[in-house]
Amino acid sequence: MVMGFSIALIVFSLLLMLLVLMHKGKGGGLSDMFGGGMQSSVGGSSVAERNLDRITVVVGLAWFACIVVLGLLMKLDN
């Protein structure tokens, strides 16, 4: 069970990094260095930005829940 949550944590971590880097840069930050300035011409839809925000929040909450469950499982194992 711990192994399953560990794998889920790795997947959620990678997905969260990808989602955060996909966000449109608000100006001069790290996202511009990784191509965030080019995304403004590709997808400037406010609906897409809101959906990306929602997906990022859901994945972040799942990531946090995974950490809490892993911590509880490891504490109960000892």
Protein backbone atom coordinates (compact mmCIF):
# COMPACT_ATOMS: atom_id res chain seq x y z
CA MET A 1 0.00 0.00 0.00
CA VAL A 2 2.87 2.33 0.80
CA MET A 3 4.41 1.52 -2.57
CA GLY A 4 1.20 2.47 -4.38
CA PHE A 5 0.97 5.83 -2.64
CA SER A 6 4.68 6.44 -3.29
CA ILE A 7 4.17 5.88 -7.01
CA ALA A 8 1.08 8.10 -6.96
CA LEU A 9 3.10 10.81 -5.21
CA ILE A 10 5.76 10.70 -7.91
CA VAL A 11 3.13 10.90 -10.66
CA PHE A 12 1.30 13.79 -8.97
CA SER A 13 4.59 15.62 -8.42
CA LEU A 14 5.56 15.40 -12.08
CA LEU A 15 2.07 16.38 -13.20
CA LEU A 16 2.04 19.33 -10.82
CA MET A 17 5.38 20.58 -12.15
CA LEU A 18 4.08 20.34 -15.70
CA LEU A 19 0.86 22.16 -14.87
CA VAL A 20 2.63 24.98 -13.05
CA LEU A 21 5.02 25.49 -15.97
CA MET A 22 2.07 25.62 -18.38
CA HIS A 23 0.57 28.66 -16.64
CA LYS A 24 0.77 31.95 -18.44
CA GLY A 25 3.47 34.16 -17.01
CA LYS A 26 2.30 37.31 -15.29
CA GLY A 27 5.52 39.02 -16.23
CA GLY A 28 9.25 38.43 -16.28
CA GLY A 29 9.37 35.31 -14.14
CA LEU A 30 10.70 31.82 -14.59
CA SER A 31 7.79 30.87 -16.85
CA ASP A 32 9.06 33.31 -19.49
CA MET A 33 12.45 31.61 -19.43
CA PHE A 34 10.80 28.24 -20.21
CA GLY A 35 8.69 29.56 -23.07
CA GLY A 36 5.80 31.12 -21.16
CA GLY A 37 5.93 34.20 -23.35
CA MET A 38 5.25 32.10 -26.45
CA GLN A 39 2.09 30.60 -24.98
CA SER A 40 0.28 33.92 -25.00
CA SER A 41 -0.07 33.72 -28.79
CA VAL A 42 -1.01 30.03 -28.78
CA GLY A 43 -3.73 29.89 -26.12
CA GLY A 44 -4.89 33.18 -24.69
CA SER A 45 -8.37 31.97 -23.80
CA SER A 46 -9.55 32.92 -20.35
CA VAL A 47 -11.63 29.73 -20.18
CA ALA A 48 -8.53 27.64 -20.80
CA GLU A 49 -6.65 29.54 -18.07
CA ARG A 50 -9.47 29.00 -15.59
CA ASN A 51 -9.62 25.29 -16.41
CA LEU A 52 -5.85 25.03 -16.03
CA ASP A 53 -6.13 26.74 -12.64
CA ARG A 54 -8.83 24.30 -11.53
CA ILE A 55 -6.88 21.26 -12.69
CA THR A 56 -3.76 22.56 -10.93
CA VAL A 57 -5.66 23.03 -7.67
CA VAL A 58 -7.18 19.53 -7.86
CA VAL A 59 -3.80 17.91 -8.58
CA GLY A 60 -2.23 19.96 -5.76
CA LEU A 61 -4.87 18.77 -3.30
CA ALA A 62 -4.39 15.17 -4.42
CA TRP A 63 -0.61 15.60 -3.98
CA PHE A 64 -1.13 16.95 -0.45
CA ALA A 65 -3.57 14.14 0.44
CA CYS A 66 -1.06 11.60 -0.83
CA ILE A 67 1.64 13.03 1.44
CA VAL A 68 -0.68 12.96 4.46
CA VAL A 69 -1.75 9.36 3.81
CA LEU A 70 1.86 8.26 3.29
CA GLY A 71 2.87 9.91 6.55
CA LEU A 72 0.05 8.19 8.44
CA LEU A 73 0.85 4.81 6.89
CA MET A 74 4.52 5.09 7.77
CA LYS A 75 3.70 6.19 11.31
CA LEU A 76 1.32 3.25 11.82
CA ASP A 77 3.88 0.79 10.39
CA ASN A 78 6.35 1.52 13.19
